[in-house]
PDB file of all heavy atoms in Angstrom:
ATOM      1  N   GLY A   1      96.715 -80.644-188.599  1.00  0.00           N
ATOM      2  CA  GLY A   1      95.293 -80.310-188.591  1.00  0.00           C
ATOM      3  C   GLY A   1      94.801 -79.674-189.872  1.00  0.00           C
ATOM      4  O   GLY A   1      93.591 -79.520-190.068  1.00  0.00           O
ATOM      5  N   GLY A   2      95.713 -79.322-190.755  1.00  0.00           N
ATOM      6  CA  GLY A   2      95.358 -78.670-191.997  1.00  0.00           C
ATOM      7  C   GLY A   2      94.920 -79.642-193.078  1.00  0.00           C
ATOM      8  O   GLY A   2      94.819 -80.861-192.846  1.00  0.00           O
ATOM      9  N   SER A   3      94.671 -79.085-194.262  1.00  0.00           N
ATOM     10  CA  SER A   3      94.170 -79.872-195.387  1.00  0.00           C
ATOM     11  C   SER A   3      94.948 -79.565-196.657  1.00  0.00           C
ATOM     12  O   SER A   3      95.507 -78.478-196.814  1.00  0.00           O
ATOM     13  CB  SER A   3      92.684 -79.562-195.633  1.00  0.00           C
ATOM     14  OG  SER A   3      91.888 -79.906-194.523  1.00  0.00           O
ATOM     15  N   LEU A   4      94.958 -80.539-197.538  1.00  0.00           N
ATOM     16  CA  LEU A   4      95.502 -80.391-198.884  1.00  0.00           C
ATOM     17  C   LEU A   4      94.637 -81.195-199.833  1.00  0.00           C
ATOM     18  O   LEU A   4      93.981 -82.165-199.418  1.00  0.00           O
ATOM     19  CB  LEU A   4      96.942 -80.894-198.976  1.00  0.00           C
ATOM     20  CG  LEU A   4      98.065 -80.044-198.421  1.00  0.00           C
ATOM     21  CD1 LEU A   4      99.380 -80.823-198.479  1.00  0.00           C
ATOM     22  CD2 LEU A   4      98.198 -78.736-199.173  1.00  0.00           C
ATOM     23  N   ARG A   5      94.674 -80.828-201.111  1.00  0.00           N
ATOM     24  CA  ARG A   5      94.007 -81.621-202.145  1.00  0.00           C
ATOM     25  C   ARG A   5      95.019 -81.933-203.235  1.00  0.00           C
ATOM     26  O   ARG A   5      95.541 -81.017-203.879  1.00  0.00           O
ATOM     27  CB  ARG A   5      92.819 -80.867-202.734  1.00  0.00           C
ATOM     28  CG  ARG A   5      91.948 -81.734-203.638  1.00  0.00           C
ATOM     29  CD  ARG A   5      90.945 -80.914-204.404  1.00  0.00           C
ATOM     30  NE  ARG A   5      89.883 -81.740-204.981  1.00  0.00           N
ATOM     31  CZ  ARG A   5      89.191 -81.388-206.061  1.00  0.00           C
ATOM     32  NH1 ARG A   5      89.446 -80.259-206.670  1.00  0.00           N
ATOM     33  NH2 ARG A   5      88.237 -82.178-206.506  1.00  0.00           N
ATOM     34  N   LEU A   6      95.289 -83.198-203.407  1.00  0.00           N
ATOM     35  CA  LEU A   6      96.194 -83.647-204.442  1.00  0.00           C
ATOM     36  C   LEU A   6      95.399 -83.989-205.703  1.00  0.00           C
ATOM     37  O   LEU A   6      94.292 -84.511-205.618  1.00  0.00           O
ATOM     38  CB  LEU A   6      96.980 -84.870-203.985  1.00  0.00           C
ATOM     39  CG  LEU A   6      97.736 -84.745-202.666  1.00  0.00           C
ATOM     40  CD1 LEU A   6      98.533 -86.032-202.401  1.00  0.00           C
ATOM     41  CD2 LEU A   6      98.638 -83.541-202.650  1.00  0.00           C
ATOM     42  N   SER A   7      96.008 -83.712-206.853  1.00  0.00           N
ATOM     43  CA  SER A   7      95.412 -84.060-208.138  1.00  0.00           C
ATOM     44  C   SER A   7      96.406 -84.873-208.949  1.00  0.00           C
ATOM     45  O   SER A   7      97.621 -84.686-208.831  1.00  0.00           O
ATOM     46  CB  SER A   7      95.040 -82.801-208.919  1.00  0.00           C
ATOM     47  OG  SER A   7      94.107 -82.015-208.224  1.00  0.00           O
ATOM     48  N   CYS A   8      95.879 -85.750-209.776  1.00  0.00           N
ATOM     49  CA  CYS A   8      96.705 -86.531-210.687  1.00  0.00           C
ATOM     50  C   CYS A   8      96.036 -86.531-212.047  1.00  0.00           C
ATOM     51  O   CYS A   8      94.941 -87.093-212.204  1.00  0.00           O
ATOM     52  CB  CYS A   8      96.876 -87.947-210.164  1.00  0.00           C
ATOM     53  SG  CYS A   8      97.669 -89.082-211.330  1.00  0.00           S
ATOM     54  N   ALA A   9      96.688 -85.892-213.006  1.00  0.00           N
ATOM     55  CA  ALA A   9      96.175 -85.834-214.370  1.00  0.00           C
ATOM     56  C   ALA A   9      96.797 -86.956-215.190  1.00  0.00           C
ATOM     57  O   ALA A   9      98.028 -87.085-215.238  1.00  0.00           O
ATOM     58  CB  ALA A   9      96.490 -84.482-214.985  1.00  0.00           C
ATOM     59  N   ALA A  10      95.943 -87.748-215.818  1.00  0.00           N
ATOM     60  CA  ALA A  10      96.401 -88.900-216.589  1.00  0.00           C
ATOM     61  C   ALA A  10      96.274 -88.634-218.078  1.00  0.00           C
ATOM     62  O   ALA A  10      95.376 -87.905-218.525  1.00  0.00           O
ATOM     63  CB  ALA A  10      95.588 -90.136-216.216  1.00  0.00           C
ATOM     64  N   SER A  11      97.164 -89.241-218.848  1.00  0.00           N
ATOM     65  CA  SER A  11      97.098 -89.160-220.299  1.00  0.00           C
ATOM     66  C   SER A  11      97.638 -90.451-220.879  1.00  0.00           C
ATOM     67  O   SER A  11      98.323 -91.227-220.191  1.00  0.00           O
ATOM     68  CB  SER A  11      97.876 -87.953-220.820  1.00  0.00           C
ATOM     69  OG  SER A  11      99.239 -88.039-220.465  1.00  0.00           O
ATOM     70  N   GLY A  12      97.323 -90.680-222.157  1.00  0.00           N
ATOM     71  CA  GLY A  12      97.830 -91.864-222.837  1.00  0.00           C
ATOM     72  C   GLY A  12      97.163 -93.157-222.425  1.00  0.00           C
ATOM     73  O   GLY A  12      97.733 -94.241-222.614  1.00  0.00           O
ATOM     74  N   MET A  13      95.953 -93.066-221.880  1.00  0.00           N
ATOM     75  CA  MET A  13      95.259 -94.254-221.392  1.00  0.00           C
ATOM     76  C   MET A  13      93.759 -94.040-221.462  1.00  0.00           C
ATOM     77  O   MET A  13      93.285 -92.902-221.466  1.00  0.00           O
ATOM     78  CB  MET A  13      95.664 -94.528-219.937  1.00  0.00           C
ATOM     79  CG  MET A  13      95.387 -93.357-219.006  1.00  0.00           C
ATOM     80  SD  MET A  13      96.139 -93.500-217.368  1.00  0.00           S
ATOM     81  CE  MET A  13      94.934 -94.501-216.530  1.00  0.00           C
ATOM     82  N   PHE A  14      93.016 -95.166-221.516  1.00  0.00           N
ATOM     83  CA  PHE A  14      91.563 -95.086-221.445  1.00  0.00           C
ATOM     84  C   PHE A  14      91.201 -95.067-219.973  1.00  0.00           C
ATOM     85  O   PHE A  14      90.971 -96.108-219.355  1.00  0.00           O
ATOM     86  CB  PHE A  14      90.933 -96.268-222.169  1.00  0.00           C
ATOM     87  CG  PHE A  14      89.478 -96.062-222.485  1.00  0.00           C
ATOM     88  CD1 PHE A  14      89.065 -95.084-223.374  1.00  0.00           C
ATOM     89  CD2 PHE A  14      88.501 -96.853-221.890  1.00  0.00           C
ATOM     90  CE1 PHE A  14      87.725 -94.886-223.655  1.00  0.00           C
ATOM     91  CE2 PHE A  14      87.156 -96.671-222.165  1.00  0.00           C
ATOM     92  CZ  PHE A  14      86.763 -95.688-223.048  1.00  0.00           C
ATOM     93  N   PHE A  15      91.180 -93.866-219.427  1.00  0.00           N
ATOM     94  CA  PHE A  15      91.166 -93.628-217.991  1.00  0.00           C
ATOM     95  C   PHE A  15      90.078 -94.409-217.268  1.00  0.00           C
ATOM     96  O   PHE A  15      90.333 -94.996-216.210  1.00  0.00           O
ATOM     97  CB  PHE A  15      90.993 -92.127-217.741  1.00  0.00           C
ATOM     98  CG  PHE A  15      91.038 -91.719-216.296  1.00  0.00           C
ATOM     99  CD1 PHE A  15      92.256 -91.530-215.651  1.00  0.00           C
ATOM    100  CD2 PHE A  15      89.867 -91.516-215.575  1.00  0.00           C
ATOM    101  CE1 PHE A  15      92.301 -91.146-214.317  1.00  0.00           C
ATOM    102  CE2 PHE A  15      89.896 -91.136-214.251  1.00  0.00           C
ATOM    103  CZ  PHE A  15      91.128 -90.945-213.614  1.00  0.00           C
ATOM    104  N   SER A  16      88.887 -94.439-217.807  1.00  0.00           N
ATOM    105  CA  SER A  16      87.757 -95.016-217.074  1.00  0.00           C
ATOM    106  C   SER A  16      87.891 -96.526-216.874  1.00  0.00           C
ATOM    107  O   SER A  16      87.187 -97.097-216.051  1.00  0.00           O
ATOM    108  CB  SER A  16      86.445 -94.686-217.772  1.00  0.00           C
ATOM    109  OG  SER A  16      86.439 -95.205-219.077  1.00  0.00           O
ATOM    110  N   ASN A  17      88.803 -97.154-217.601  1.00  0.00           N
ATOM    111  CA  ASN A  17      89.015 -98.597-217.440  1.00  0.00           C
ATOM    112  C   ASN A  17      89.943 -98.936-216.281  1.00  0.00           C
ATOM    113  O   ASN A  17      90.005-100.094-215.855  1.00  0.00           O
ATOM    114  CB  ASN A  17      89.596 -99.197-218.713  1.00  0.00           C
ATOM    115  CG  ASN A  17      88.546 -99.385-219.791  1.00  0.00           C
ATOM    116  OD1 ASN A  17      87.390 -99.049-219.600  1.00  0.00           O
ATOM    117  ND2 ASN A  17      88.954 -99.927-220.924  1.00  0.00           N
ATOM    118  N   PHE A  18      90.684 -97.944-215.803  1.00  0.00           N
ATOM    119  CA  PHE A  18      91.736 -98.188-214.827  1.00  0.00           C
ATOM    120  C   PHE A  18      91.257 -98.036-213.397  1.00  0.00           C
ATOM    121  O   PHE A  18      90.436 -97.159-213.091  1.00  0.00           O
ATOM    122  CB  PHE A  18      92.892 -97.207-215.044  1.00  0.00           C
ATOM    123  CG  PHE A  18      93.817 -97.567-216.160  1.00  0.00           C
ATOM    124  CD1 PHE A  18      93.418 -97.461-217.486  1.00  0.00           C
ATOM    125  CD2 PHE A  18      95.095 -98.017-215.893  1.00  0.00           C
ATOM    126  CE1 PHE A  18      94.270 -97.800-218.510  1.00  0.00           C
ATOM    127  CE2 PHE A  18      95.964 -98.349-216.908  1.00  0.00           C
ATOM    128  CZ  PHE A  18      95.560 -98.234-218.225  1.00  0.00           C
ATOM    129  N   ASP A  19      91.774 -98.881-212.520  1.00  0.00           N
ATOM    130  CA  ASP A  19      91.752 -98.602-211.094  1.00  0.00           C
ATOM    131  C   ASP A  19      92.810 -97.532-210.829  1.00  0.00           C
ATOM    132  O   ASP A  19      93.910 -97.584-211.394  1.00  0.00           O
ATOM    133  CB  ASP A  19      92.074 -99.842-210.270  1.00  0.00           C
ATOM    134  CG  ASP A  19      91.014-100.934-210.414  1.00  0.00           C
ATOM    135  OD1 ASP A  19      89.881-100.623-210.806  1.00  0.00           O
ATOM    136  OD2 ASP A  19      91.351-102.094-210.127  1.00  0.00           O
ATOM    137  N   MET A  20      92.475 -96.573-209.959  1.00  0.00           N
ATOM    138  CA  MET A  20      93.396 -95.477-209.665  1.00  0.00           C
ATOM    139  C   MET A  20      93.623 -95.399-208.160  1.00  0.00           C
ATOM    140  O   MET A  20      92.757 -95.779-207.363  1.00  0.00           O
ATOM    141  CB  MET A  20      92.827 -94.142-210.147  1.00  0.00           C
ATOM    142  CG  MET A  20      92.526 -94.074-211.637  1.00  0.00           C
ATOM    143  SD  MET A  20      94.003 -94.217-212.666  1.00  0.00           S
ATOM    144  CE  MET A  20      94.908 -92.746-212.181  1.00  0.00           C
ATOM    145  N   GLY A  21      94.782 -94.880-207.787  1.00  0.00           N
ATOM    146  CA  GLY A  21      95.048 -94.797-206.357  1.00  0.00           C
ATOM    147  C   GLY A  21      96.174 -93.845-206.029  1.00  0.00           C
ATOM    148  O   GLY A  21      96.757 -93.210-206.921  1.00  0.00           O
ATOM    149  N   TRP A  22      96.431 -93.770-204.745  1.00  0.00           N
ATOM    150  CA  TRP A  22      97.533 -92.964-204.221  1.00  0.00           C
ATOM    151  C   TRP A  22      98.332 -93.809-203.232  1.00  0.00           C
ATOM    152  O   TRP A  22      97.758 -94.481-202.364  1.00  0.00           O
ATOM    153  CB  TRP A  22      97.003 -91.721-203.497  1.00  0.00           C
ATOM    154  CG  TRP A  22      96.385 -90.716-204.407  1.00  0.00           C
ATOM    155  CD1 TRP A  22      95.077 -90.659-204.800  1.00  0.00           C
ATOM    156  CD2 TRP A  22      97.058 -89.633-205.053  1.00  0.00           C
ATOM    157  NE1 TRP A  22      94.889 -89.594-205.653  1.00  0.00           N
ATOM    158  CE2 TRP A  22      96.089 -88.938-205.818  1.00  0.00           C
ATOM    159  CE3 TRP A  22      98.365 -89.159-205.054  1.00  0.00           C
ATOM    160  CZ2 TRP A  22      96.394 -87.820-206.582  1.00  0.00           C
ATOM    161  CZ3 TRP A  22      98.674 -88.051-205.814  1.00  0.00           C
ATOM    162  CH2 TRP A  22      97.691 -87.389-206.564  1.00  0.00           C
ATOM    163  N   SER A  23      99.633 -93.752-203.379  1.00  0.00           N
ATOM    164  CA  SER A  23     100.515 -94.366-202.404  1.00  0.00           C
ATOM    165  C   SER A  23     101.407 -93.278-201.830  1.00  0.00           C
ATOM    166  O   SER A  23     101.432 -92.152-202.325  1.00  0.00           O
ATOM    167  CB  SER A  23     101.357 -95.459-203.048  1.00  0.00           C
ATOM    168  OG  SER A  23     102.246 -94.893-203.995  1.00  0.00           O
ATOM    169  N   ARG A  24     102.123 -93.610-200.790  1.00  0.00           N
ATOM    170  CA  ARG A  24     103.058 -92.648-200.210  1.00  0.00           C
ATOM    171  C   ARG A  24     104.281 -93.366-199.681  1.00  0.00           C
ATOM    172  O   ARG A  24     104.226 -94.552-199.337  1.00  0.00           O
ATOM    173  CB  ARG A  24     102.397 -91.843-199.094  1.00  0.00           C
ATOM    174  CG  ARG A  24     102.038 -92.646-197.856  1.00  0.00           C
ATOM    175  CD  ARG A  24     101.290 -91.771-196.850  1.00  0.00           C
ATOM    176  NE  ARG A  24     100.933 -92.514-195.648  1.00  0.00           N
ATOM    177  CZ  ARG A  24     100.170 -92.030-194.679  1.00  0.00           C
ATOM    178  NH1 ARG A  24      99.673 -90.795-194.767  1.00  0.00           N
ATOM    179  NH2 ARG A  24      99.894 -92.768-193.613  1.00  0.00           N
ATOM    180  N   GLN A  25     105.377 -92.626-199.637  1.00  0.00           N
ATOM    181  CA  GLN A  25     106.615 -93.170-199.091  1.00  0.00           C
ATOM    182  C   GLN A  25     107.285 -92.110-198.248  1.00  0.00           C
ATOM    183  O   GLN A  25     107.647 -91.028-198.752  1.00  0.00           O
ATOM    184  CB  GLN A  25     107.550 -93.642-200.203  1.00  0.00           C
ATOM    185  CG  GLN A  25     108.768 -94.373-199.681  1.00  0.00           C
ATOM    186  CD  GLN A  25     109.494 -95.136-200.772  1.00  0.00           C
ATOM    187  OE1 GLN A  25     109.352 -94.867-201.953  1.00  0.00           O
ATOM    188  NE2 GLN A  25     110.278 -96.119-200.367  1.00  0.00           N
ATOM    189  N   ALA A  26     107.435 -92.422-196.978  1.00  0.00           N
ATOM    190  CA  ALA A  26     108.140 -91.544-196.051  1.00  0.00           C
ATOM    191  C   ALA A  26     109.611 -91.950-196.007  1.00  0.00           C
ATOM    192  O   ALA A  26     109.953 -93.097-196.325  1.00  0.00           O
ATOM    193  CB  ALA A  26     107.521 -91.648-194.666  1.00  0.00           C
ATOM    194  N   PRO A  27     110.488 -91.028-195.615  1.00  0.00           N
ATOM    195  CA  PRO A  27     111.918 -91.361-195.545  1.00  0.00           C
ATOM    196  C   PRO A  27     112.182 -92.580-194.676  1.00  0.00           C
ATOM    197  O   PRO A  27     111.686 -92.673-193.550  1.00  0.00           O
ATOM    198  CB  PRO A  27     112.533 -90.105-194.935  1.00  0.00           C
ATOM    199  CG  PRO A  27     111.604 -89.007-195.295  1.00  0.00           C
ATOM    200  CD  PRO A  27     110.237 -89.622-195.265  1.00  0.00           C
ATOM    201  N   GLY A  28     112.917 -93.538-195.222  1.00  0.00           N
ATOM    202  CA  GLY A  28     113.275 -94.729-194.472  1.00  0.00           C
ATOM    203  C   GLY A  28     112.178 -95.753-194.329  1.00  0.00           C
ATOM    204  O   GLY A  28     112.347 -96.749-193.610  1.00  0.00           O
ATOM    205  N   LYS A  29     111.051 -95.537-195.002  1.00  0.00           N
ATOM    206  CA  LYS A  29     109.924 -96.471-194.900  1.00  0.00           C
ATOM    207  C   LYS A  29     109.554 -97.009-196.269  1.00  0.00           C
ATOM    208  O   LYS A  29     109.894 -96.425-197.300  1.00  0.00           O
ATOM    209  CB  LYS A  29     108.713 -95.780-194.261  1.00  0.00           C
ATOM    210  CG  LYS A  29     108.929 -95.378-192.817  1.00  0.00           C
ATOM    211  CD  LYS A  29     107.644 -94.909-192.188  1.00  0.00           C
ATOM    212  CE  LYS A  29     107.839 -94.580-190.711  1.00  0.00           C
ATOM    213  NZ  LYS A  29     106.572 -94.144-190.073  1.00  0.00           N
ATOM    214  N   GLN A  30     108.843 -98.133-196.261  1.00  0.00           N
ATOM    215  CA  GLN A  30     108.362 -98.706-197.509  1.00  0.00           C
ATOM    216  C   GLN A  30     107.179 -97.910-198.040  1.00  0.00           C
ATOM    217  O   GLN A  30     106.429 -97.291-197.291  1.00  0.00           O
ATOM    218  CB  GLN A  30     107.941-100.166-197.281  1.00  0.00           C
ATOM    219  CG  GLN A  30     109.109-101.126-197.063  1.00  0.00           C
ATOM    220  CD  GLN A  30     108.653-102.569-197.070  1.00  0.00           C
ATOM    221  OE1 GLN A  30     107.562-102.888-196.598  1.00  0.00           O
ATOM    222  NE2 GLN A  30     109.476-103.446-197.621  1.00  0.00           N
ATOM    223  N   ARG A  31     107.028 -97.971-199.365  1.00  0.00           N
ATOM    224  CA  ARG A  31     105.879 -97.326-199.977  1.00  0.00           C
ATOM    225  C   ARG A  31     104.619 -98.094-199.594  1.00  0.00           C
ATOM    226  O   ARG A  31     104.608 -99.325-199.585  1.00  0.00           O
ATOM    227  CB  ARG A  31     106.020 -97.279-201.497  1.00  0.00           C
ATOM    228  CG  ARG A  31     104.971 -96.454-202.188  1.00  0.00           C
ATOM    229  CD  ARG A  31     105.160 -96.424-203.701  1.00  0.00           C
ATOM    230  NE  ARG A  31     106.400 -95.770-204.096  1.00  0.00           N
ATOM    231  CZ  ARG A  31     106.662 -95.405-205.353  1.00  0.00           C
ATOM    232  NH1 ARG A  31     105.762 -95.626-206.299  1.00  0.00           N
ATOM    233  NH2 ARG A  31     107.815 -94.833-205.645  1.00  0.00           N
ATOM    234  N   GLU A  32     103.555 -97.346-199.260  1.00  0.00           N
ATOM    235  CA  GLU A  32     102.273 -97.974-198.915  1.00  0.00           C
ATOM    236  C   GLU A  32     101.165 -97.360-199.752  1.00  0.00           C
ATOM    237  O   GLU A  32     101.161 -96.153-200.017  1.00  0.00           O
ATOM    238  CB  GLU A  32     101.957 -97.804-197.426  1.00  0.00           C
ATOM    239  CG  GLU A  32     101.791 -96.372-196.950  1.00  0.00           C
ATOM    240  CD  GLU A  32     101.239 -96.236-195.548  1.00  0.00           C
ATOM    241  OE1 GLU A  32     100.664 -97.215-195.020  1.00  0.00           O
ATOM    242  OE2 GLU A  32     101.370 -95.137-194.969  1.00  0.00           O
ATOM    243  N   LEU A  33     100.238 -98.212-200.149  1.00  0.00           N
ATOM    244  CA  LEU A  33      99.067 -97.746-200.879  1.00  0.00           C
ATOM    245  C   LEU A  33      98.062 -97.236-199.861  1.00  0.00           C
ATOM    246  O   LEU A  33      97.617 -97.993-199.004  1.00  0.00           O
ATOM    247  CB  LEU A  33      98.463 -98.874-201.709  1.00  0.00           C
ATOM    248  CG  LEU A  33      97.321 -98.501-202.660  1.00  0.00           C
ATOM    249  CD1 LEU A  33      97.794 -97.542-203.740  1.00  0.00           C
ATOM    250  CD2 LEU A  33      96.736 -99.754-203.292  1.00  0.00           C
ATOM    251  N   VAL A  34      97.707 -95.964-199.928  1.00  0.00           N
ATOM    252  CA  VAL A  34      96.839 -95.378-198.908  1.00  0.00           C
ATOM    253  C   VAL A  34      95.383 -95.290-199.351  1.00  0.00           C
ATOM    254  O   VAL A  34      94.490 -95.314-198.505  1.00  0.00           O
ATOM    255  CB  VAL A  34      97.330 -93.991-198.451  1.00  0.00           C
ATOM    256  CG1 VAL A  34      98.691 -94.094-197.801  1.00  0.00           C
ATOM    257  CG2 VAL A  34      97.368 -93.006-199.602  1.00  0.00           C
ATOM    258  N   ALA A  35      95.128 -95.183-200.647  1.00  0.00           N
ATOM    259  CA  ALA A  35      93.750 -95.057-201.104  1.00  0.00           C
ATOM    260  C   ALA A  35      93.637 -95.606-202.511  1.00  0.00           C
ATOM    261  O   ALA A  35      94.543 -95.411-203.328  1.00  0.00           O
ATOM    262  CB  ALA A  35      93.296 -93.606-201.066  1.00  0.00           C
ATOM    263  N   LEU A  36      92.518 -96.256-202.776  1.00  0.00           N
ATOM    264  CA  LEU A  36      92.276 -96.857-204.085  1.00  0.00           C
ATOM    265  C   LEU A  36      90.826 -96.594-204.483  1.00  0.00           C
ATOM    266  O   LEU A  36      89.924 -96.685-203.638  1.00  0.00           O
ATOM    267  CB  LEU A  36      92.530 -98.355-204.040  1.00  0.00           C
ATOM    268  CG  LEU A  36      92.364 -99.125-205.348  1.00  0.00           C
ATOM    269  CD1 LEU A  36      93.509 -98.798-206.291  1.00  0.00           C
ATOM    270  CD2 LEU A  36      92.316-100.628-205.090  1.00  0.00           C
ATOM    271  N   ILE A  37      90.614 -96.276-205.756  1.00  0.00           N
ATOM    272  CA  ILE A  37      89.261 -96.178-206.298  1.00  0.00           C
ATOM    273  C   ILE A  37      89.237 -97.016-207.567  1.00  0.00           C
ATOM    274  O   ILE A  37      90.047 -96.824-208.478  1.00  0.00           O
ATOM    275  CB  ILE A  37      88.829 -94.712-206.536  1.00  0.00           C
ATOM    276  CG1 ILE A  37      87.382 -94.653-207.017  1.00  0.00           C
ATOM    277  CG2 ILE A  37      89.778 -93.978-207.475  1.00  0.00           C
ATOM    278  CD1 ILE A  37      86.775 -93.243-206.940  1.00  0.00           C
ATOM    279  N   THR A  38      88.327 -97.977-207.622  1.00  0.00           N
ATOM    280  CA  THR A  38      88.279 -98.877-208.761  1.00  0.00           C
ATOM    281  C   THR A  38      87.643 -98.193-209.966  1.00  0.00           C
ATOM    282  O   THR A  38      87.059 -97.109-209.849  1.00  0.00           O
ATOM    283  CB  THR A  38      87.495-100.145-208.425  1.00  0.00           C
ATOM    284  OG1 THR A  38      86.111 -99.795-208.267  1.00  0.00           O
ATOM    285  CG2 THR A  38      88.015-100.794-207.153  1.00  0.00           C
ATOM    286  N   HIS A  39      87.714 -98.858-211.114  1.00  0.00           N
ATOM    287  CA  HIS A  39      87.084 -98.306-212.307  1.00  0.00           C
ATOM    288  C   HIS A  39      85.575 -98.194-212.114  1.00  0.00           C
ATOM    289  O   HIS A  39      84.931 -97.353-212.735  1.00  0.00           O
ATOM    290  CB  HIS A  39      87.416 -99.160-213.527  1.00  0.00           C
ATOM    291  CG  HIS A  39      86.942-100.568-213.431  1.00  0.00           C
ATOM    292  ND1 HIS A  39      87.637-101.535-212.732  1.00  0.00           N
ATOM    293  CD2 HIS A  39      85.834-101.163-213.921  1.00  0.00           C
ATOM    294  CE1 HIS A  39      86.979-102.679-212.808  1.00  0.00           C
ATOM    295  NE2 HIS A  39      85.886-102.486-213.512  1.00  0.00           N
ATOM    296  N   GLY A  40      85.032 -98.992-211.203  1.00  0.00           N
ATOM    297  CA  GLY A  40      83.605 -98.942-210.904  1.00  0.00           C
ATOM    298  C   GLY A  40      83.224 -97.941-209.831  1.00  0.00           C
ATOM    299  O   GLY A  40      82.040 -97.738-209.554  1.00  0.00           O
TER     300      GLY A  40
END
Protein backbone atom coordinates (compact mmCIF):
# COMPACT_ATOMS: atom_id res chain seq x y z
CA GLY A 1 0.00 0.00 0.00
CA GLY A 2 3.00 2.29 0.25
CA SER A 3 4.73 4.45 -2.34
CA LEU A 4 8.17 4.97 -3.81
CA ARG A 5 9.62 7.28 -6.44
CA LEU A 6 12.36 5.96 -8.65
CA SER A 7 14.72 8.26 -10.55
CA CYS A 8 17.05 7.58 -13.44
CA ALA A 9 19.74 10.11 -14.28
CA ALA A 10 21.07 9.86 -17.82
CA SER A 11 24.35 11.08 -19.27
CA GLY A 12 26.30 10.74 -22.49
CA MET A 13 23.21 11.08 -24.68
CA PHE A 14 20.90 13.65 -26.24
CA PHE A 15 18.22 12.79 -23.74
CA SER A 16 15.22 14.43 -25.39
CA ASN A 17 15.62 12.25 -28.49
CA PHE A 18 15.27 8.99 -26.58
CA ASP A 19 12.28 6.95 -25.58
CA MET A 20 12.70 6.17 -21.87
CA GLY A 21 11.21 3.50 -19.69
CA TRP A 22 11.34 1.21 -16.71
CA SER A 23 11.45 -2.55 -16.68
CA ARG A 24 11.55 -4.96 -13.77
CA GLN A 25 12.70 -8.47 -13.07
CA ALA A 26 11.51 -10.55 -10.15
CA PRO A 27 13.40 -13.65 -8.99
CA GLY A 28 12.77 -16.55 -11.36
CA LYS A 29 10.80 -14.41 -13.81
CA GLN A 30 11.52 -12.76 -17.12
CA ARG A 31 12.22 -9.07 -17.31
CA GLU A 32 9.12 -7.06 -18.28
CA LEU A 33 8.79 -3.50 -19.49
CA VAL A 34 6.34 -1.85 -17.10
CA ALA A 35 6.28 1.76 -18.27
CA LEU A 36 7.41 3.70 -21.31
CA ILE A 37 7.47 7.41 -22.16
CA THR A 38 8.34 8.36 -25.72
CA HIS A 39 10.50 11.28 -26.76
CA GLY A 40 7.22 13.03 -27.56
